PDB file of all heavy atoms in Angstrom:
ATOM      1  N   LEU A   1      49.906 130.397 118.697  1.00  0.00           N
ATOM      2  CA  LEU A   1      50.750 129.668 117.761  1.00  0.00           C
ATOM      3  C   LEU A   1      52.026 130.463 117.491  1.00  0.00           C
ATOM      4  O   LEU A   1      51.966 131.656 117.171  1.00  0.00           O
ATOM      5  CB  LEU A   1      50.011 129.440 116.448  1.00  0.00           C
ATOM      6  CG  LEU A   1      48.819 128.485 116.498  1.00  0.00           C
ATOM      7  CD1 LEU A   1      48.018 128.576 115.202  1.00  0.00           C
ATOM      8  CD2 LEU A   1      49.273 127.056 116.736  1.00  0.00           C
ATOM      9  N   ASP A   2      53.176 129.823 117.644  1.00  0.00           N
ATOM     10  CA  ASP A   2      54.444 130.442 117.276  1.00  0.00           C
ATOM     11  C   ASP A   2      54.577 130.424 115.758  1.00  0.00           C
ATOM     12  O   ASP A   2      54.294 129.407 115.107  1.00  0.00           O
ATOM     13  CB  ASP A   2      55.614 129.697 117.914  1.00  0.00           C
ATOM     14  CG  ASP A   2      55.652 129.863 119.424  1.00  0.00           C
ATOM     15  OD1 ASP A   2      55.109 130.866 119.923  1.00  0.00           O
ATOM     16  OD2 ASP A   2      56.222 128.990 120.097  1.00  0.00           O
ATOM     17  N   ILE A   3      55.041 131.520 115.193  1.00  0.00           N
ATOM     18  CA  ILE A   3      55.035 131.713 113.752  1.00  0.00           C
ATOM     19  C   ILE A   3      56.425 131.471 113.173  1.00  0.00           C
ATOM     20  O   ILE A   3      57.419 131.994 113.663  1.00  0.00           O
ATOM     21  CB  ILE A   3      54.576 133.139 113.400  1.00  0.00           C
ATOM     22  CG1 ILE A   3      53.188 133.402 113.987  1.00  0.00           C
ATOM     23  CG2 ILE A   3      54.576 133.355 111.892  1.00  0.00           C
ATOM     24  CD1 ILE A   3      52.853 134.870 114.099  1.00  0.00           C
ATOM     25  N   ILE A   4      56.462 130.679 112.111  1.00  0.00           N
ATOM     26  CA  ILE A   4      57.681 130.440 111.341  1.00  0.00           C
ATOM     27  C   ILE A   4      57.384 130.837 109.907  1.00  0.00           C
ATOM     28  O   ILE A   4      56.319 130.512 109.378  1.00  0.00           O
ATOM     29  CB  ILE A   4      58.097 128.960 111.417  1.00  0.00           C
ATOM     30  CG1 ILE A   4      58.295 128.534 112.881  1.00  0.00           C
ATOM     31  CG2 ILE A   4      59.364 128.705 110.603  1.00  0.00           C
ATOM     32  CD1 ILE A   4      58.453 127.036 113.064  1.00  0.00           C
ATOM     33  N   VAL A   5      58.317 131.543 109.279  1.00  0.00           N
ATOM     34  CA  VAL A   5      58.082 132.025 107.913  1.00  0.00           C
ATOM     35  C   VAL A   5      59.274 131.688 107.030  1.00  0.00           C
ATOM     36  O   VAL A   5      60.430 131.850 107.433  1.00  0.00           O
ATOM     37  CB  VAL A   5      57.839 133.547 107.887  1.00  0.00           C
ATOM     38  CG1 VAL A   5      57.649 134.036 106.446  1.00  0.00           C
ATOM     39  CG2 VAL A   5      56.631 133.914 108.727  1.00  0.00           C
ATOM     40  N   SER A   6      58.989 131.251 105.806  1.00  0.00           N
ATOM     41  CA  SER A   6      59.999 131.103 104.760  1.00  0.00           C
ATOM     42  C   SER A   6      59.861 132.278 103.800  1.00  0.00           C
ATOM     43  O   SER A   6      58.887 132.351 103.044  1.00  0.00           O
ATOM     44  CB  SER A   6      59.815 129.796 103.985  1.00  0.00           C
ATOM     45  OG  SER A   6      60.209 128.691 104.752  1.00  0.00           O
ATOM     46  N   PRO A   7      60.812 133.226 103.809  1.00  0.00           N
ATOM     47  CA  PRO A   7      60.784 134.320 102.828  1.00  0.00           C
ATOM     48  C   PRO A   7      61.527 133.911 101.563  1.00  0.00           C
ATOM     49  O   PRO A   7      62.535 133.218 101.625  1.00  0.00           O
ATOM     50  CB  PRO A   7      61.518 135.448 103.558  1.00  0.00           C
ATOM     51  CG  PRO A   7      62.494 134.742 104.453  1.00  0.00           C
ATOM     52  CD  PRO A   7      61.883 133.406 104.806  1.00  0.00           C
ATOM     53  N   PHE A   8      61.049 134.362 100.413  1.00  0.00           N
ATOM     54  CA  PHE A   8      61.646 133.968  99.140  1.00  0.00           C
ATOM     55  C   PHE A   8      62.170 135.157  98.340  1.00  0.00           C
ATOM     56  O   PHE A   8      62.400 135.041  97.137  1.00  0.00           O
ATOM     57  CB  PHE A   8      60.641 133.168  98.316  1.00  0.00           C
ATOM     58  CG  PHE A   8      60.408 131.785  98.860  1.00  0.00           C
ATOM     59  CD1 PHE A   8      59.476 131.568  99.865  1.00  0.00           C
ATOM     60  CD2 PHE A   8      61.133 130.701  98.392  1.00  0.00           C
ATOM     61  CE1 PHE A   8      59.263 130.295 100.392  1.00  0.00           C
ATOM     62  CE2 PHE A   8      60.935 129.435  98.908  1.00  0.00           C
ATOM     63  CZ  PHE A   8      59.998 129.232  99.910  1.00  0.00           C
ATOM     64  N   SER A   9      62.370 136.279  99.007  1.00  0.00           N
ATOM     65  CA  SER A   9      62.938 137.460  98.357  1.00  0.00           C
ATOM     66  C   SER A   9      63.454 138.398  99.441  1.00  0.00           C
ATOM     67  O   SER A   9      63.089 138.277 100.616  1.00  0.00           O
ATOM     68  CB  SER A   9      61.889 138.178  97.509  1.00  0.00           C
ATOM     69  OG  SER A   9      60.842 138.676  98.336  1.00  0.00           O
ATOM     70  N   ASP A  10      64.297 139.345  99.032  1.00  0.00           N
ATOM     71  CA  ASP A  10      64.759 140.355  99.983  1.00  0.00           C
ATOM     72  C   ASP A  10      63.584 141.152 100.529  1.00  0.00           C
ATOM     73  O   ASP A  10      63.566 141.533 101.702  1.00  0.00           O
ATOM     74  CB  ASP A  10      65.757 141.301  99.307  1.00  0.00           C
ATOM     75  CG  ASP A  10      67.100 140.648  99.049  1.00  0.00           C
ATOM     76  OD1 ASP A  10      67.418 139.650  99.722  1.00  0.00           O
ATOM     77  OD2 ASP A  10      67.847 141.140  98.174  1.00  0.00           O
ATOM     78  N   TYR A  11      62.605 141.418  99.678  1.00  0.00           N
ATOM     79  CA  TYR A  11      61.432 142.163 100.112  1.00  0.00           C
ATOM     80  C   TYR A  11      60.686 141.400 101.206  1.00  0.00           C
ATOM     81  O   TYR A  11      60.272 141.983 102.218  1.00  0.00           O
ATOM     82  CB  TYR A  11      60.514 142.412  98.922  1.00  0.00           C
ATOM     83  CG  TYR A  11      59.286 143.222  99.248  1.00  0.00           C
ATOM     84  CD1 TYR A  11      59.358 144.588  99.488  1.00  0.00           C
ATOM     85  CD2 TYR A  11      58.026 142.610  99.317  1.00  0.00           C
ATOM     86  CE1 TYR A  11      58.223 145.336  99.791  1.00  0.00           C
ATOM     87  CE2 TYR A  11      56.886 143.345  99.609  1.00  0.00           C
ATOM     88  CZ  TYR A  11      56.995 144.701  99.843  1.00  0.00           C
ATOM     89  OH  TYR A  11      55.870 145.436 100.153  1.00  0.00           O
ATOM     90  N   ALA A  12      60.527 140.092 101.016  1.00  0.00           N
ATOM     91  CA  ALA A  12      59.863 139.276 102.037  1.00  0.00           C
ATOM     92  C   ALA A  12      60.674 139.264 103.329  1.00  0.00           C
ATOM     93  O   ALA A  12      60.090 139.277 104.433  1.00  0.00           O
ATOM     94  CB  ALA A  12      59.652 137.853 101.523  1.00  0.00           C
ATOM     95  N   VAL A  13      61.986 139.235 103.217  1.00  0.00           N
ATOM     96  CA  VAL A  13      62.839 139.306 104.414  1.00  0.00           C
ATOM     97  C   VAL A  13      62.582 140.613 105.157  1.00  0.00           C
ATOM     98  O   VAL A  13      62.460 140.637 106.388  1.00  0.00           O
ATOM     99  CB  VAL A  13      64.326 139.178 104.031  1.00  0.00           C
ATOM    100  CG1 VAL A  13      65.216 139.481 105.238  1.00  0.00           C
ATOM    101  CG2 VAL A  13      64.627 137.782 103.500  1.00  0.00           C
ATOM    102  N   ASP A  14      62.491 141.714 104.412  1.00  0.00           N
ATOM    103  CA  ASP A  14      62.213 143.009 105.034  1.00  0.00           C
ATOM    104  C   ASP A  14      60.878 142.990 105.770  1.00  0.00           C
ATOM    105  O   ASP A  14      60.763 143.526 106.886  1.00  0.00           O
ATOM    106  CB  ASP A  14      62.186 144.117 103.974  1.00  0.00           C
ATOM    107  CG  ASP A  14      63.541 144.378 103.348  1.00  0.00           C
ATOM    108  OD1 ASP A  14      64.564 143.971 103.943  1.00  0.00           O
ATOM    109  OD2 ASP A  14      63.577 144.995 102.258  1.00  0.00           O
ATOM    110  N   ILE A  15      59.864 142.377 105.165  1.00  0.00           N
ATOM    111  CA  ILE A  15      58.541 142.305 105.792  1.00  0.00           C
ATOM    112  C   ILE A  15      58.614 141.474 107.077  1.00  0.00           C
ATOM    113  O   ILE A  15      58.040 141.845 108.108  1.00  0.00           O
ATOM    114  CB  ILE A  15      57.498 141.712 104.820  1.00  0.00           C
ATOM    115  CG1 ILE A  15      57.332 142.610 103.597  1.00  0.00           C
ATOM    116  CG2 ILE A  15      56.165 141.506 105.530  1.00  0.00           C
ATOM    117  CD1 ILE A  15      56.873 144.008 103.890  1.00  0.00           C
ATOM    118  N   CYS A  16      59.316 140.350 107.012  1.00  0.00           N
ATOM    119  CA  CYS A  16      59.448 139.507 108.203  1.00  0.00           C
ATOM    120  C   CYS A  16      60.124 140.263 109.342  1.00  0.00           C
ATOM    121  O   CYS A  16      59.720 140.160 110.506  1.00  0.00           O
ATOM    122  CB  CYS A  16      60.251 138.247 107.874  1.00  0.00           C
ATOM    123  SG  CYS A  16      59.358 137.037 106.871  1.00  0.00           S
ATOM    124  N   GLU A  17      61.146 141.027 109.013  1.00  0.00           N
ATOM    125  CA  GLU A  17      61.836 141.799 110.049  1.00  0.00           C
ATOM    126  C   GLU A  17      60.925 142.883 110.609  1.00  0.00           C
ATOM    127  O   GLU A  17      60.853 143.074 111.826  1.00  0.00           O
ATOM    128  CB  GLU A  17      63.109 142.416 109.475  1.00  0.00           C
ATOM    129  CG  GLU A  17      63.946 143.146 110.531  1.00  0.00           C
ATOM    130  CD  GLU A  17      65.237 143.681 109.957  1.00  0.00           C
ATOM    131  OE1 GLU A  17      65.222 144.235 108.833  1.00  0.00           O
ATOM    132  OE2 GLU A  17      66.278 143.567 110.645  1.00  0.00           O
ATOM    133  N   ALA A  18      60.201 143.578 109.730  1.00  0.00           N
ATOM    134  CA  ALA A  18      59.304 144.647 110.171  1.00  0.00           C
ATOM    135  C   ALA A  18      58.196 144.112 111.066  1.00  0.00           C
ATOM    136  O   ALA A  18      57.768 144.795 112.013  1.00  0.00           O
ATOM    137  CB  ALA A  18      58.714 145.368 108.962  1.00  0.00           C
ATOM    138  N   LEU A  19      57.739 142.889 110.789  1.00  0.00           N
ATOM    139  CA  LEU A  19      56.656 142.294 111.574  1.00  0.00           C
ATOM    140  C   LEU A  19      57.171 141.453 112.736  1.00  0.00           C
ATOM    141  O   LEU A  19      56.416 140.743 113.385  1.00  0.00           O
ATOM    142  CB  LEU A  19      55.758 141.445 110.661  1.00  0.00           C
ATOM    143  CG  LEU A  19      55.054 142.212 109.536  1.00  0.00           C
ATOM    144  CD1 LEU A  19      54.133 141.296 108.745  1.00  0.00           C
ATOM    145  CD2 LEU A  19      54.273 143.402 110.089  1.00  0.00           C
ATOM    146  N   LYS A  20      58.497 141.538 112.982  1.00  0.00           N
ATOM    147  CA  LYS A  20      59.136 140.928 114.155  1.00  0.00           C
ATOM    148  C   LYS A  20      58.997 139.409 114.204  1.00  0.00           C
ATOM    149  O   LYS A  20      58.804 138.814 115.269  1.00  0.00           O
ATOM    150  CB  LYS A  20      58.604 141.560 115.451  1.00  0.00           C
ATOM    151  CG  LYS A  20      58.795 143.063 115.514  1.00  0.00           C
ATOM    152  CD  LYS A  20      58.376 143.627 116.863  1.00  0.00           C
ATOM    153  CE  LYS A  20      58.440 145.157 116.851  1.00  0.00           C
ATOM    154  NZ  LYS A  20      59.769 145.682 116.496  1.00  0.00           N
ATOM    155  N   ILE A  21      59.080 138.782 113.036  1.00  0.00           N
ATOM    156  CA  ILE A  21      59.133 137.322 112.993  1.00  0.00           C
ATOM    157  C   ILE A  21      60.473 136.883 113.578  1.00  0.00           C
ATOM    158  O   ILE A  21      61.523 137.411 113.230  1.00  0.00           O
ATOM    159  CB  ILE A  21      58.992 136.817 111.544  1.00  0.00           C
ATOM    160  CG1 ILE A  21      57.622 137.217 110.985  1.00  0.00           C
ATOM    161  CG2 ILE A  21      59.181 135.295 111.474  1.00  0.00           C
ATOM    162  CD1 ILE A  21      56.449 136.649 111.740  1.00  0.00           C
ATOM    163  N   ARG A  22      60.446 135.914 114.461  1.00  0.00           N
ATOM    164  CA  ARG A  22      61.666 135.504 115.147  1.00  0.00           C
ATOM    165  C   ARG A  22      62.320 134.274 114.518  1.00  0.00           C
ATOM    166  O   ARG A  22      63.540 134.137 114.539  1.00  0.00           O
ATOM    167  CB  ARG A  22      61.355 135.203 116.624  1.00  0.00           C
ATOM    168  CG  ARG A  22      60.924 136.442 117.420  1.00  0.00           C
ATOM    169  CD  ARG A  22      62.088 137.361 117.709  1.00  0.00           C
ATOM    170  NE  ARG A  22      63.124 136.683 118.462  1.00  0.00           N
ATOM    171  CZ  ARG A  22      63.075 136.453 119.780  1.00  0.00           C
ATOM    172  NH1 ARG A  22      62.006 136.807 120.482  1.00  0.00           N
ATOM    173  NH2 ARG A  22      64.082 135.851 120.391  1.00  0.00           N
ATOM    174  N   THR A  23      61.520 133.346 113.994  1.00  0.00           N
ATOM    175  CA  THR A  23      62.081 132.117 113.426  1.00  0.00           C
ATOM    176  C   THR A  23      61.873 132.093 111.917  1.00  0.00           C
ATOM    177  O   THR A  23      60.748 132.179 111.430  1.00  0.00           O
ATOM    178  CB  THR A  23      61.435 130.868 114.063  1.00  0.00           C
ATOM    179  OG1 THR A  23      61.685 130.867 115.460  1.00  0.00           O
ATOM    180  CG2 THR A  23      62.027 129.600 113.442  1.00  0.00           C
ATOM    181  N   ILE A  24      62.980 131.956 111.191  1.00  0.00           N
ATOM    182  CA  ILE A  24      62.962 131.919 109.740  1.00  0.00           C
ATOM    183  C   ILE A  24      63.281 130.506 109.277  1.00  0.00           C
ATOM    184  O   ILE A  24      64.244 129.887 109.735  1.00  0.00           O
ATOM    185  CB  ILE A  24      63.990 132.905 109.149  1.00  0.00           C
ATOM    186  CG1 ILE A  24      63.629 134.343 109.526  1.00  0.00           C
ATOM    187  CG2 ILE A  24      64.088 132.744 107.630  1.00  0.00           C
ATOM    188  CD1 ILE A  24      62.337 134.852 108.932  1.00  0.00           C
TER     189      ILE A  24
END
């Protein structure tokens, strides 16, 4: 499954980047 994430804070954005999420 390709993963898409909606981050709702700068901290969540940092986590998405660290975990190499490609689609926001």
